[in-house]
């Protein structure tokens, strides 16, 4: 335009000047096939590293779980009598087992049932529960509250039998 200035200077307005060199704050990005290949290579390396880390974590967790199960077996054999006799202790033991996915009652003939003798305990308790429900069927149609069932089972078991909790009743029913 007039005055000999460049067209850019005219569009920017009076008093502004063009900055020499590349603009400040702008970064040059990689473009083209080379940049895409680099990006894909970096992604592949991250993915591979992530897989290796995940496999290591899984191996460590598996090792810890095996060790915990082993310690649990040792604990169970040491405290076998207490687990059988004490309902609160039994509930705590079963909760501890449940946190790692071990169900000592999963089968009447399983490792835990054999070791602790709890399979027979729950089977017998289940039979007693059925007997109580049948005996009271004429009165309540076979439906009974857990609390009343607990009282009836305790009454039927006698003074010298293992103590039974409401949690034991629920487990036997399941």
C-alpha atoms as a PDB file:
ATOM      1  CA  UNK A   1       0.000   0.000   0.000  1.00  0.00           C
ATOM      2  CA  UNK A   2       0.885   3.642   0.245  1.00  0.00           C
ATOM      3  CA  UNK A   3       3.770   4.673   2.394  1.00  0.00           C
ATOM      4  CA  UNK A   4       5.943   1.747   1.313  1.00  0.00           C
ATOM      5  CA  UNK A   5       4.933  -0.563   4.192  1.00  0.00           C
ATOM      6  CA  UNK A   6       4.163  -4.195   3.727  1.00  0.00           C
ATOM      7  CA  UNK A   7       0.623  -5.368   3.435  1.00  0.00           C
ATOM      8  CA  UNK A   8       0.908  -7.230   6.821  1.00  0.00           C
ATOM      9  CA  UNK A   9       1.916  -4.014   8.572  1.00  0.00           C
ATOM     10  CA  UNK A  10      -1.155  -2.280   7.213  1.00  0.00           C
ATOM     11  CA  UNK A  11      -3.554  -4.956   8.431  1.00  0.00           C
ATOM     12  CA  UNK A  12      -2.074  -4.997  11.926  1.00  0.00           C
ATOM     13  CA  UNK A  13      -2.707  -1.356  12.461  1.00  0.00           C
ATOM     14  CA  UNK A  14      -0.526   1.621  13.301  1.00  0.00           C
ATOM     15  CA  UNK A  15       2.322   1.195  15.754  1.00  0.00           C
ATOM     16  CA  UNK A  16       2.615  -2.570  15.493  1.00  0.00           C
ATOM     17  CA  UNK A  17       5.590  -4.261  14.015  1.00  0.00           C
ATOM     18  CA  UNK A  18       6.125  -7.725  12.671  1.00  0.00           C
ATOM     19  CA  UNK A  19       8.053  -9.897  15.115  1.00  0.00           C
ATOM     20  CA  UNK A  20      11.331 -11.070  13.678  1.00  0.00           C
ATOM     21  CA  UNK A  21      11.711 -14.864  13.373  1.00  0.00           C
ATOM     22  CA  UNK A  22       9.206 -17.495  14.536  1.00  0.00           C
ATOM     23  CA  UNK A  23       6.367 -16.471  16.796  1.00  0.00           C
ATOM     24  CA  UNK A  24       6.921 -16.799  20.533  1.00  0.00           C
ATOM     25  CA  UNK A  25       4.767 -19.462  22.232  1.00  0.00           C
ATOM     26  CA  UNK A  26       4.244 -21.563  19.134  1.00  0.00           C
ATOM     27  CA  UNK A  27       5.943 -24.941  19.009  1.00  0.00           C
ATOM     28  CA  UNK A  28       6.756 -26.696  15.838  1.00  0.00           C
ATOM     29  CA  UNK A  29       4.917 -29.994  15.655  1.00  0.00           C
ATOM     30  CA  UNK A  30       6.186 -33.018  13.877  1.00  0.00           C
ATOM     31  CA  UNK A  31       4.136 -33.670  10.790  1.00  0.00           C
ATOM     32  CA  UNK A  32       4.280 -36.236   8.100  1.00  0.00           C
ATOM     33  CA  UNK A  33       4.983 -39.945   7.939  1.00  0.00           C
ATOM     34  CA  UNK A  34       8.087 -39.744  10.169  1.00  0.00           C
ATOM     35  CA  UNK A  35       6.192 -38.139  13.050  1.00  0.00           C
ATOM     36  CA  UNK A  36       3.332 -40.628  12.771  1.00  0.00           C
ATOM     37  CA  UNK A  37       5.769 -43.547  12.825  1.00  0.00           C
ATOM     38  CA  UNK A  38       7.522 -42.107  15.918  1.00  0.00           C
ATOM     39  CA  UNK A  39       4.202 -41.636  17.677  1.00  0.00           C
ATOM     40  CA  UNK A  40       3.104 -45.209  16.899  1.00  0.00           C
ATOM     41  CA  UNK A  41       6.452 -46.572  18.093  1.00  0.00           C
ATOM     42  CA  UNK A  42       6.175 -44.639  21.369  1.00  0.00           C
ATOM     43  CA  UNK A  43       2.602 -45.898  21.876  1.00  0.00           C
ATOM     44  CA  UNK A  44       3.709 -49.484  21.243  1.00  0.00           C
ATOM     45  CA  UNK A  45       6.543 -49.125  23.774  1.00  0.00           C
ATOM     46  CA  UNK A  46       4.163 -47.705  26.410  1.00  0.00           C
ATOM     47  CA  UNK A  47       1.683 -50.503  25.769  1.00  0.00           C
ATOM     48  CA  UNK A  48       4.419 -53.147  26.020  1.00  0.00           C
ATOM     49  CA  UNK A  49       5.740 -51.639  29.259  1.00  0.00           C
ATOM     50  CA  UNK A  50       2.205 -51.482  30.661  1.00  0.00           C
ATOM     51  CA  UNK A  51       1.684 -55.158  29.849  1.00  0.00           C
ATOM     52  CA  UNK A  52       4.956 -56.108  31.555  1.00  0.00           C
ATOM     53  CA  UNK A  53       4.003 -54.100  34.668  1.00  0.00           C
ATOM     54  CA  UNK A  54       0.528 -55.660  34.770  1.00  0.00           C
ATOM     55  CA  UNK A  55       2.002 -59.167  34.476  1.00  0.00           C
ATOM     56  CA  UNK A  56       4.457 -58.434  37.304  1.00  0.00           C
ATOM     57  CA  UNK A  57       1.660 -57.117  39.519  1.00  0.00           C
ATOM     58  CA  UNK A  58      -0.484 -60.153  38.776  1.00  0.00           C
ATOM     59  CA  UNK A  59       2.388 -62.509  39.606  1.00  0.00           C
ATOM     60  CA  UNK A  60       3.064 -60.686  42.899  1.00  0.00           C
ATOM     61  CA  UNK A  61      -0.612 -60.707  43.872  1.00  0.00           C
ATOM     62  CA  UNK A  62      -0.905 -64.381  43.015  1.00  0.00           C
ATOM     63  CA  UNK A  63       2.151 -65.137  45.146  1.00  0.00           C
ATOM     64  CA  UNK A  64       0.702 -63.124  48.063  1.00  0.00           C
ATOM     65  CA  UNK A  65      -2.649 -64.879  47.736  1.00  0.00           C
ATOM     66  CA  UNK A  66      -0.970 -68.298  47.784  1.00  0.00           C
ATOM     67  CA  UNK A  67       0.990 -67.283  50.879  1.00  0.00           C
ATOM     68  CA  UNK A  68      -2.175 -65.983  52.546  1.00  0.00           C
ATOM     69  CA  UNK A  69      -4.048 -69.218  51.775  1.00  0.00           C
ATOM     70  CA  UNK A  70      -1.153 -71.209  53.186  1.00  0.00           C
ATOM     71  CA  UNK A  71      -1.157 -69.097  56.363  1.00  0.00           C
ATOM     72  CA  UNK A  72      -4.928 -69.463  56.557  1.00  0.00           C
ATOM     73  CA  UNK A  73      -4.622 -73.257  56.398  1.00  0.00           C
ATOM     74  CA  UNK A  74      -2.015 -73.166  59.156  1.00  0.00           C
ATOM     75  CA  UNK A  75      -4.233 -70.868  61.232  1.00  0.00           C
ATOM     76  CA  UNK A  76      -7.234 -73.146  60.693  1.00  0.00           C
ATOM     77  CA  UNK A  77      -5.399 -76.255  61.808  1.00  0.00           C
ATOM     78  CA  UNK A  78      -4.028 -74.461  64.890  1.00  0.00           C
ATOM     79  CA  UNK A  79      -7.411 -73.044  65.915  1.00  0.00           C
ATOM     80  CA  UNK A  80      -9.581 -75.930  64.732  1.00  0.00           C
ATOM     81  CA  UNK A  81     -11.229 -76.511  68.119  1.00  0.00           C
ATOM     82  CA  UNK A  82     -11.914 -72.818  68.675  1.00  0.00           C
ATOM     83  CA  UNK A  83     -13.477 -72.501  65.210  1.00  0.00           C
ATOM     84  CA  UNK A  84     -15.776 -75.422  65.973  1.00  0.00           C
ATOM     85  CA  UNK A  85     -16.767 -74.306  69.486  1.00  0.00           C
ATOM     86  CA  UNK A  86     -17.004 -70.519  69.306  1.00  0.00           C
ATOM     87  CA  UNK A  87     -19.662 -69.074  66.935  1.00  0.00           C
ATOM     88  CA  UNK A  88     -18.175 -65.550  66.933  1.00  0.00           C
ATOM     89  CA  UNK A  89     -14.727 -66.905  66.134  1.00  0.00           C
ATOM     90  CA  UNK A  90     -16.263 -69.097  63.413  1.00  0.00           C
ATOM     91  CA  UNK A  91     -17.954 -66.063  61.813  1.00  0.00           C
ATOM     92  CA  UNK A  92     -14.684 -64.109  61.862  1.00  0.00           C
ATOM     93  CA  UNK A  93     -12.826 -67.045  60.333  1.00  0.00           C
ATOM     94  CA  UNK A  94     -15.436 -67.435  57.595  1.00  0.00           C
ATOM     95  CA  UNK A  95     -15.366 -63.698  56.867  1.00  0.00           C
ATOM     96  CA  UNK A  96     -11.583 -63.851  56.614  1.00  0.00           C
ATOM     97  CA  UNK A  97     -11.914 -66.760  54.173  1.00  0.00           C
ATOM     98  CA  UNK A  98     -14.526 -64.913  52.129  1.00  0.00           C
ATOM     99  CA  UNK A  99     -12.234 -61.907  51.611  1.00  0.00           C
ATOM    100  CA  UNK A 100      -9.865 -64.090  49.590  1.00  0.00           C
ATOM    101  CA  UNK A 101     -12.536 -66.137  47.866  1.00  0.00           C
ATOM    102  CA  UNK A 102     -12.209 -69.297  49.951  1.00  0.00           C
ATOM    103  CA  UNK A 103     -15.506 -70.845  51.005  1.00  0.00           C
ATOM    104  CA  UNK A 104     -14.911 -73.441  53.712  1.00  0.00           C
ATOM    105  CA  UNK A 105     -18.509 -74.593  53.264  1.00  0.00           C
ATOM    106  CA  UNK A 106     -18.513 -74.811  49.472  1.00  0.00           C
ATOM    107  CA  UNK A 107     -18.685 -78.579  49.579  1.00  0.00           C
ATOM    108  CA  UNK A 108     -19.298 -81.052  52.357  1.00  0.00           C
ATOM    109  CA  UNK A 109     -16.281 -83.061  51.212  1.00  0.00           C
ATOM    110  CA  UNK A 110     -13.889 -80.194  50.471  1.00  0.00           C
ATOM    111  CA  UNK A 111     -10.481 -79.548  51.997  1.00  0.00           C
ATOM    112  CA  UNK A 112     -11.788 -77.063  54.571  1.00  0.00           C
ATOM    113  CA  UNK A 113     -14.737 -79.197  55.584  1.00  0.00           C
ATOM    114  CA  UNK A 114     -12.437 -82.154  56.126  1.00  0.00           C
ATOM    115  CA  UNK A 115      -9.847 -80.112  57.999  1.00  0.00           C
ATOM    116  CA  UNK A 116     -12.279 -78.324  60.290  1.00  0.00           C
ATOM    117  CA  UNK A 117     -15.115 -80.791  60.369  1.00  0.00           C
ATOM    118  CA  UNK A 118     -17.516 -77.938  59.581  1.00  0.00           C
ATOM    119  CA  UNK A 119     -19.229 -79.712  56.679  1.00  0.00           C
ATOM    120  CA  UNK A 120     -20.908 -82.200  59.019  1.00  0.00           C
ATOM    121  CA  UNK A 121     -21.689 -79.434  61.511  1.00  0.00           C
ATOM    122  CA  UNK A 122     -23.637 -77.409  58.947  1.00  0.00           C
ATOM    123  CA  UNK A 123     -25.304 -80.475  57.453  1.00  0.00           C
ATOM    124  CA  UNK A 124     -26.531 -81.569  60.900  1.00  0.00           C
ATOM    125  CA  UNK A 125     -27.594 -78.019  61.695  1.00  0.00           C
ATOM    126  CA  UNK A 126     -29.550 -77.919  58.425  1.00  0.00           C
ATOM    127  CA  UNK A 127     -31.368 -81.105  59.412  1.00  0.00           C
ATOM    128  CA  UNK A 128     -32.189 -79.614  62.832  1.00  0.00           C
ATOM    129  CA  UNK A 129     -33.536 -76.468  61.146  1.00  0.00           C
ATOM    130  CA  UNK A 130     -35.826 -78.567  58.948  1.00  0.00           C
ATOM    131  CA  UNK A 131     -36.998 -80.531  61.992  1.00  0.00           C
ATOM    132  CA  UNK A 132     -37.861 -77.310  63.862  1.00  0.00           C
ATOM    133  CA  UNK A 133     -39.750 -75.906  60.863  1.00  0.00           C
ATOM    134  CA  UNK A 134     -41.700 -79.147  60.395  1.00  0.00           C
ATOM    135  CA  UNK A 135     -42.510 -79.382  64.110  1.00  0.00           C
ATOM    136  CA  UNK A 136     -43.928 -75.848  64.114  1.00  0.00           C
ATOM    137  CA  UNK A 137     -45.602 -76.097  60.703  1.00  0.00           C
ATOM    138  CA  UNK A 138     -49.079 -76.534  62.228  1.00  0.00           C
ATOM    139  CA  UNK A 139     -48.585 -73.267  64.120  1.00  0.00           C
ATOM    140  CA  UNK A 140     -46.890 -71.030  61.553  1.00  0.00           C
ATOM    141  CA  UNK A 141     -47.103 -72.820  58.197  1.00  0.00           C
ATOM    142  CA  UNK A 142     -43.364 -73.524  58.309  1.00  0.00           C
ATOM    143  CA  UNK A 143     -42.398 -69.848  58.316  1.00  0.00           C
ATOM    144  CA  UNK A 144     -40.397 -68.718  61.306  1.00  0.00           C
ATOM    145  CA  UNK A 145     -38.292 -65.730  62.288  1.00  0.00           C
ATOM    146  CA  UNK A 146     -34.569 -66.228  62.518  1.00  0.00           C
ATOM    147  CA  UNK A 147     -34.677 -65.315  66.196  1.00  0.00           C
ATOM    148  CA  UNK A 148     -37.339 -67.918  67.033  1.00  0.00           C
ATOM    149  CA  UNK A 149     -35.549 -70.522  64.910  1.00  0.00           C
ATOM    150  CA  UNK A 150     -32.350 -69.785  66.823  1.00  0.00           C
ATOM    151  CA  UNK A 151     -34.111 -70.255  70.175  1.00  0.00           C
ATOM    152  CA  UNK A 152     -35.776 -73.508  69.045  1.00  0.00           C
ATOM    153  CA  UNK A 153     -32.535 -74.972  67.660  1.00  0.00           C
ATOM    154  CA  UNK A 154     -30.637 -74.095  70.858  1.00  0.00           C
ATOM    155  CA  UNK A 155     -33.404 -75.651  72.957  1.00  0.00           C
ATOM    156  CA  UNK A 156     -33.282 -78.838  70.878  1.00  0.00           C
ATOM    157  CA  UNK A 157     -29.487 -79.142  70.969  1.00  0.00           C
ATOM    158  CA  UNK A 158     -29.064 -79.425  74.722  1.00  0.00           C
ATOM    159  CA  UNK A 159     -26.546 -77.893  77.095  1.00  0.00           C
ATOM    160  CA  UNK A 160     -23.433 -79.758  75.969  1.00  0.00           C
ATOM    161  CA  UNK A 161     -23.740 -79.289  72.207  1.00  0.00           C
ATOM    162  CA  UNK A 162     -21.662 -76.788  70.232  1.00  0.00           C
ATOM    163  CA  UNK A 163     -22.952 -73.255  70.521  1.00  0.00           C
ATOM    164  CA  UNK A 164     -24.772 -72.029  67.419  1.00  0.00           C
ATOM    165  CA  UNK A 165     -25.162 -68.444  66.211  1.00  0.00           C
ATOM    166  CA  UNK A 166     -27.769 -66.940  63.911  1.00  0.00           C
ATOM    167  CA  UNK A 167     -24.999 -66.641  61.320  1.00  0.00           C
ATOM    168  CA  UNK A 168     -24.489 -70.422  61.576  1.00  0.00           C
ATOM    169  CA  UNK A 169     -28.211 -70.908  60.918  1.00  0.00           C
ATOM    170  CA  UNK A 170     -28.055 -68.712  57.814  1.00  0.00           C
ATOM    171  CA  UNK A 171     -25.013 -70.586  56.487  1.00  0.00           C
ATOM    172  CA  UNK A 172     -26.670 -73.952  57.129  1.00  0.00           C
ATOM    173  CA  UNK A 173     -29.819 -72.835  55.297  1.00  0.00           C
ATOM    174  CA  UNK A 174     -27.805 -71.686  52.267  1.00  0.00           C
END
